[in-house]
Amino acid sequence: MTITAPVLPAPATSTAPAALDLERLAPGFGARVHGVDLASATDAQVRAIRTALAAHKVLFFSGQHALHPDGQIALGRRLGDVTESHPVVPGVDEEHPEIYALDSASGGFADVWHTDVTFVRRPPLGSVLRAVVLPPTGGDTQWADLQLAYESLSEPLQRLADQLVAVHDGTREFGYYLAQREARTKWEGEQFQALVPVEHPVVRIHPETGRKGLFVNPGFVSHLKDVSDAESRYLLDLFYAHITKPEHIVRHRWSVGDVVMWDNRSTVHYANRDYGDQRRVMHRITLRGDKPVGPTGA
């Protein structure tokens, strides 16, 4: 079906809003976008994509063979501000410091549910991932809807979650890498000498839609603030089990030329590591985000 997506405010010289051909994968979560060449998209199409991203959370584009590393970065700059590749991992090469290469041949795995780079004060707004090399079978990626997960909690648990704060720590995943690497990269102008834990609300209010969503993930959350270790473990396990219920998930089987964009403020994702010693290479860029705000305003 063809759905006219609302667009961001356009300059006075803009033409009529673009209509995106969206194939919904679940009510309000996940959509395939047909008929758009991301390498040559019009300004109106890019605005429509940017708005659809907040509404549908994950957008899938197939057949994007004309999109190369330069084009992926250029597309990101049309969608928002592109960050460096990662706070501690350098870009794929000197010409493309914005591209984070997930290469299974060098330990580039993401087989844990996570939201990208939540261990910094301003986690990314979103990510754009491009398939470069794929195994003959396996290597799917799954996304879970954090807003639907919050909304399907019972009201007492929602009220409890609204009051909680989570500590996000990148040390488990990247601490050893940072300690071994002498050269330092920068993230938003800051050079990371160490990964200092940061605090984010367990429930995040989306800055564009106003919807509440859980904002915890097993990849980077170490514990909940001001509760006992046992309570922290039990509550986080409860949230994680609820987030990853099948009805909250969409799954994508990759083909070369696929590009997927997701809203990092309202989703978690998991890359299946079920392809043995076959190689899988993905190129990711991230868009600059803002400081998470919860129901208490903190």
Protein backbone atom coordinates (compact mmCIF):
# COMPACT_ATOMS: atom_id res chain seq x y z
CA MET A 1 0.00 0.00 0.00
CA THR A 2 1.08 3.61 -0.46
CA ILE A 3 1.08 5.75 2.66
CA THR A 4 1.71 9.47 2.59
CA ALA A 5 4.26 10.04 5.32
CA PRO A 6 4.27 13.41 7.09
CA VAL A 7 7.37 15.42 6.36
CA LEU A 8 9.47 17.83 8.35
CA PRO A 9 8.92 21.54 7.69
CA ALA A 10 10.19 22.35 4.21
CA PRO A 11 11.88 25.52 2.98
CA ALA A 12 9.79 27.96 1.04
CA THR A 13 11.32 26.82 -2.28
CA SER A 14 10.36 23.16 -1.71
CA THR A 15 7.82 21.36 -3.87
CA ALA A 16 4.93 19.25 -2.57
CA PRO A 17 5.56 16.62 0.11
CA ALA A 18 6.81 13.26 -1.07
CA ALA A 19 4.70 10.13 -0.82
CA LEU A 20 6.63 7.11 0.39
CA ASP A 21 5.54 3.66 -0.71
CA LEU A 22 5.65 1.97 2.69
CA GLU A 23 4.96 -1.69 3.32
CA ARG A 24 4.27 -2.04 7.02
CA LEU A 25 5.76 -5.09 8.73
CA ALA A 26 3.88 -4.68 12.02
CA PRO A 27 1.41 -2.11 13.36
CA GLY A 28 3.49 1.00 13.90
CA PHE A 29 6.82 -0.83 13.85
CA GLY A 30 9.02 -1.55 10.88
CA ALA A 31 8.38 -0.73 7.23
CA ARG A 32 9.89 -1.54 3.86
CA VAL A 33 10.36 1.51 1.67
CA HIS A 34 9.87 0.86 -2.04
CA GLY A 35 10.82 2.99 -5.01
CA VAL A 36 13.51 5.18 -3.41
CA ASP A 37 17.12 5.28 -4.63
CA LEU A 38 19.00 6.52 -1.56
CA ALA A 39 21.99 7.58 -3.67
CA SER A 40 19.86 10.11 -5.57
CA ALA A 41 16.88 10.73 -3.29
CA THR A 42 15.18 14.11 -3.56
CA ASP A 43 15.11 16.53 -0.65
CA ALA A 44 11.40 15.82 -0.17
CA GLN A 45 12.06 12.07 -0.05
CA VAL A 46 14.81 12.53 2.53
CA ARG A 47 12.52 14.64 4.72
CA ALA A 48 9.79 12.02 4.43
CA ILE A 49 12.25 9.25 5.32
CA ARG A 50 13.47 11.20 8.33
CA THR A 51 9.93 11.60 9.65
CA ALA A 52 8.96 8.00 8.84
CA LEU A 53 11.99 6.88 10.86
CA ALA A 54 10.53 8.31 14.07
CA ALA A 55 7.09 6.89 13.27
CA HIS A 56 8.07 3.36 12.18
CA LYS A 57 11.41 3.05 14.04
CA VAL A 58 13.04 0.73 11.48
CA LEU A 59 13.08 1.32 7.70
CA PHE A 60 14.28 -1.26 5.15
CA PHE A 61 15.56 -0.39 1.67
CA SER A 62 16.56 -3.03 -0.88
CA GLY A 63 18.56 -2.76 -4.11
CA GLN A 64 20.73 0.17 -3.00
CA HIS A 65 23.72 -0.95 -5.07
CA ALA A 66 24.65 2.61 -6.05
CA LEU A 67 25.29 3.57 -2.42
CA HIS A 68 29.03 3.41 -1.71
CA PRO A 69 30.95 4.64 1.37
CA ASP A 70 30.99 8.28 0.25
CA GLY A 71 27.32 8.08 -0.60
CA GLN A 72 26.42 6.51 2.72
CA ILE A 73 28.08 9.38 4.58
CA ALA A 74 26.46 11.95 2.28
CA LEU A 75 23.06 10.37 2.93
CA GLY A 76 23.67 10.53 6.67
CA ARG A 77 24.48 14.23 6.44
CA ARG A 78 21.16 14.84 4.71
CA LEU A 79 19.35 13.02 7.52
CA GLY A 80 21.19 14.72 10.40
CA ASP A 81 24.66 15.27 11.82
CA VAL A 82 26.97 12.30 11.28
CA THR A 83 29.14 11.28 14.22
CA GLU A 84 32.58 9.74 14.23
CA SER A 85 32.53 5.97 13.73
CA HIS A 86 32.59 5.10 17.44
CA PRO A 87 33.91 6.55 20.72
CA VAL A 88 36.86 4.11 20.84
CA VAL A 89 36.97 2.29 17.48
CA PRO A 90 38.39 4.18 14.47
CA GLY A 91 36.64 4.42 11.12
CA VAL A 92 36.98 1.89 8.33
CA ASP A 93 39.84 3.91 6.76
CA GLU A 94 41.38 7.39 6.82
CA GLU A 95 39.05 8.61 4.07
CA HIS A 96 35.92 7.48 5.92
CA PRO A 97 36.34 8.10 9.67
CA GLU A 98 32.55 8.14 10.05
CA ILE A 99 32.05 4.50 8.99
CA TYR A 100 32.16 1.80 11.64
CA ALA A 101 33.01 -1.55 10.00
CA LEU A 102 31.47 -4.60 11.63
CA ASP A 103 33.66 -7.34 10.16
CA SER A 104 33.24 -10.84 11.56
CA ALA A 105 36.81 -11.68 10.49
CA SER A 106 38.16 -9.22 13.07
CA GLY A 107 35.67 -9.76 15.88
CA GLY A 108 32.96 -7.47 14.57
CA PHE A 109 30.04 -9.22 16.23
CA ALA A 110 26.91 -7.78 17.79
CA ASP A 111 25.22 -10.92 19.12
CA VAL A 112 23.74 -9.30 22.21
CA TRP A 113 20.63 -7.13 22.41
CA HIS A 114 21.77 -3.51 22.50
CA THR A 115 21.08 0.06 21.54
CA ASP A 116 24.07 1.68 19.86
CA VAL A 117 26.55 3.57 22.07
CA THR A 118 24.29 4.22 25.06
CA PHE A 119 27.37 4.48 27.30
CA VAL A 120 27.88 8.16 26.36
CA ARG A 121 25.96 11.24 27.52
CA ARG A 122 24.30 11.73 24.12
CA PRO A 123 23.68 8.37 22.44
CA PRO A 124 23.14 8.41 18.68
CA LEU A 125 19.77 9.44 17.28
CA GLY A 126 19.86 6.66 14.74
CA SER A 127 21.98 4.37 12.61
CA VAL A 128 22.26 3.58 8.90
CA LEU A 129 23.61 0.09 8.17
CA ARG A 130 24.69 -1.18 4.75
CA ALA A 131 25.40 -4.81 3.85
CA VAL A 132 28.84 -5.21 2.22
CA VAL A 133 29.74 -8.92 2.51
CA LEU A 134 27.23 -11.57 3.56
CA PRO A 135 27.50 -15.25 4.46
CA PRO A 136 25.57 -17.66 2.20
CA THR A 137 23.16 -18.34 5.06
CA GLY A 138 22.45 -16.77 8.45
CA GLY A 139 23.43 -13.35 9.75
CA ASP A 140 19.90 -11.93 10.10
CA THR A 141 19.31 -8.90 12.32
CA GLN A 142 16.38 -8.45 14.70
CA TRP A 143 14.97 -5.23 16.16
CA ALA A 144 12.67 -4.84 19.16
CA ASP A 145 10.28 -1.94 19.75
CA LEU A 146 11.05 -0.29 23.10
CA GLN A 147 7.97 1.92 23.00
CA LEU A 148 5.59 -0.97 22.42
CA ALA A 149 7.41 -2.85 25.18
CA TYR A 150 6.78 -0.02 27.65
CA GLU A 151 3.16 0.44 26.60
CA SER A 152 2.42 -3.27 27.02
CA LEU A 153 3.72 -3.35 30.60
CA SER A 154 1.11 -3.32 33.38
CA GLU A 155 0.46 0.14 34.85
CA PRO A 156 2.16 -0.63 38.19
CA LEU A 157 5.33 -1.67 36.38
CA GLN A 158 5.14 1.40 34.16
CA ARG A 159 4.98 3.61 37.24
CA LEU A 160 7.96 1.80 38.76
CA ALA A 161 9.99 2.03 35.55
CA ASP A 162 9.21 5.77 35.29
CA GLN A 163 11.14 6.33 38.53
CA LEU A 164 14.23 4.24 37.77
CA VAL A 165 17.65 5.25 36.49
CA ALA A 166 20.05 2.87 34.73
CA VAL A 167 23.85 2.99 34.67
CA HIS A 168 25.31 2.41 31.20
CA ASP A 169 28.93 1.22 30.99
CA GLY A 170 30.86 0.38 27.82
CA THR A 171 33.76 -1.24 29.69
CA ARG A 172 32.57 -4.83 29.28
CA GLU A 173 32.36 -4.57 25.49
CA PHE A 174 35.11 -2.05 24.72
CA GLY A 175 37.26 -1.59 27.82
CA TYR A 176 39.90 -4.14 26.81
CA TYR A 177 40.07 -2.73 23.29
CA LEU A 178 40.54 0.80 24.65
CA ALA A 179 43.27 -0.33 27.05
CA GLN A 180 45.24 -2.08 24.28
CA ARG A 181 44.99 0.67 21.69
CA GLU A 182 47.45 3.55 22.04
CA ALA A 183 45.85 5.82 19.45
CA ARG A 184 42.69 7.61 20.55
CA THR A 185 39.62 8.53 18.53
CA LYS A 186 37.19 11.34 19.34
CA TRP A 187 33.43 11.35 19.78
CA GLU A 188 31.73 14.74 19.60
CA GLY A 189 35.10 16.40 20.19
CA GLU A 190 35.88 14.33 23.31
CA GLN A 191 38.80 11.93 23.42
CA PHE A 192 38.01 8.84 25.49
CA GLN A 193 40.90 7.88 27.76
CA ALA A 194 38.55 5.70 29.82
CA LEU A 195 34.94 4.61 29.67
CA VAL A 196 33.22 6.37 32.55
CA PRO A 197 29.70 5.03 33.31
CA VAL A 198 26.79 7.36 32.59
CA GLU A 199 23.23 7.45 33.89
CA HIS A 200 20.09 7.47 31.74
CA PRO A 201 16.42 7.18 32.72
CA VAL A 202 14.98 3.67 32.36
CA VAL A 203 12.03 5.24 30.54
CA ARG A 204 12.87 7.69 27.79
CA ILE A 205 10.48 10.22 26.28
CA HIS A 206 11.02 10.41 22.53
CA PRO A 207 11.90 14.01 21.64
CA GLU A 208 9.93 13.95 18.37
CA THR A 209 6.86 11.80 19.07
CA GLY A 210 6.52 12.27 22.83
CA ARG A 211 5.99 8.53 23.33
CA LYS A 212 7.53 6.73 26.28
CA GLY A 213 9.82 3.77 25.76
CA LEU A 214 12.05 1.56 27.87
CA PHE A 215 15.68 2.62 27.45
CA VAL A 216 17.68 -0.28 28.83
CA ASN A 217 19.70 -2.95 27.07
CA PRO A 218 21.83 -5.92 28.20
CA GLY A 219 24.73 -4.82 26.01
CA PHE A 220 25.60 -1.74 28.05
CA VAL A 221 23.48 -1.44 31.22
CA SER A 222 25.45 -2.59 34.26
CA HIS A 223 22.82 -2.01 36.95
CA LEU A 224 19.96 0.15 38.20
CA LYS A 225 20.81 3.07 40.44
CA ASP A 226 19.78 3.16 44.13
CA VAL A 227 18.42 -0.39 44.31
CA SER A 228 20.08 -3.54 45.61
CA ASP A 229 22.08 -5.80 43.32
CA ALA A 230 19.43 -8.51 43.56
CA GLU A 231 16.60 -6.08 42.77
CA SER A 232 18.60 -4.66 39.87
CA ARG A 233 19.18 -8.10 38.35
CA TYR A 234 15.56 -9.16 38.75
CA LEU A 235 14.10 -5.96 37.34
CA LEU A 236 16.48 -5.80 34.39
CA ASP A 237 15.85 -9.46 33.55
CA LEU A 238 12.11 -8.75 33.69
CA PHE A 239 12.46 -5.76 31.34
CA TYR A 240 14.73 -7.65 28.91
CA ALA A 241 12.42 -10.66 28.75
CA HIS A 242 9.48 -8.36 28.09
CA ILE A 243 11.28 -6.27 25.46
CA THR A 244 12.26 -9.34 23.44
CA LYS A 245 8.84 -10.99 23.33
CA PRO A 246 8.17 -12.16 19.73
CA GLU A 247 5.33 -9.67 19.23
CA HIS A 248 7.77 -6.79 19.81
CA ILE A 249 10.28 -7.96 17.17
CA VAL A 250 10.87 -7.61 13.44
CA ARG A 251 13.57 -9.68 11.70
CA HIS A 252 15.46 -8.97 8.49
CA ARG A 253 17.22 -11.43 6.19
CA TRP A 254 19.95 -9.47 4.44
CA SER A 255 20.81 -9.28 0.74
CA VAL A 256 23.77 -7.35 -0.69
CA GLY A 257 22.50 -3.88 -1.53
CA ASP A 258 20.20 -3.69 1.50
CA VAL A 259 20.27 -0.61 3.71
CA VAL A 260 18.47 -0.42 7.04
CA MET A 261 17.89 2.70 9.13
CA TRP A 262 16.68 2.58 12.71
CA ASP A 263 15.74 5.02 15.43
CA ASN A 264 18.25 4.37 18.19
CA ARG A 265 16.05 6.14 20.73
CA SER A 266 13.22 3.60 20.52
CA THR A 267 14.76 0.25 19.55
CA VAL A 268 17.24 -2.44 20.52
CA HIS A 269 18.74 -4.86 18.00
CA TYR A 270 20.57 -8.17 17.78
CA ALA A 271 22.75 -9.53 14.96
CA ASN A 272 22.44 -13.31 14.69
CA ARG A 273 25.81 -15.05 14.80
CA ASP A 274 24.77 -18.29 13.13
CA TYR A 275 27.06 -18.42 10.09
CA GLY A 276 30.11 -20.25 11.45
CA ASP A 277 33.42 -19.10 10.00
CA GLN A 278 31.82 -17.42 6.97
CA ARG A 279 32.52 -13.69 6.67
CA ARG A 280 29.97 -10.96 7.33
CA VAL A 281 30.84 -7.27 6.83
CA MET A 282 28.47 -4.39 7.54
CA HIS A 283 29.17 -0.64 7.35
CA ARG A 284 27.39 1.60 9.87
CA ILE A 285 27.14 5.32 10.35
CA THR A 286 25.37 7.00 13.26
CA LEU A 287 23.54 10.30 13.58
CA ARG A 288 24.21 12.67 16.45
CA GLY A 289 21.61 12.40 19.21
CA ASP A 290 20.57 14.23 22.35
CA LYS A 291 20.60 13.59 26.07
CA PRO A 292 17.83 11.13 27.06
CA VAL A 293 15.04 12.69 29.11
CA GLY A 294 12.69 10.66 31.29
CA PRO A 295 9.28 11.24 32.87
CA THR A 296 10.83 13.04 35.85
CA GLY A 297 12.58 15.49 33.55
CA ALA A 298 16.03 14.11 34.36
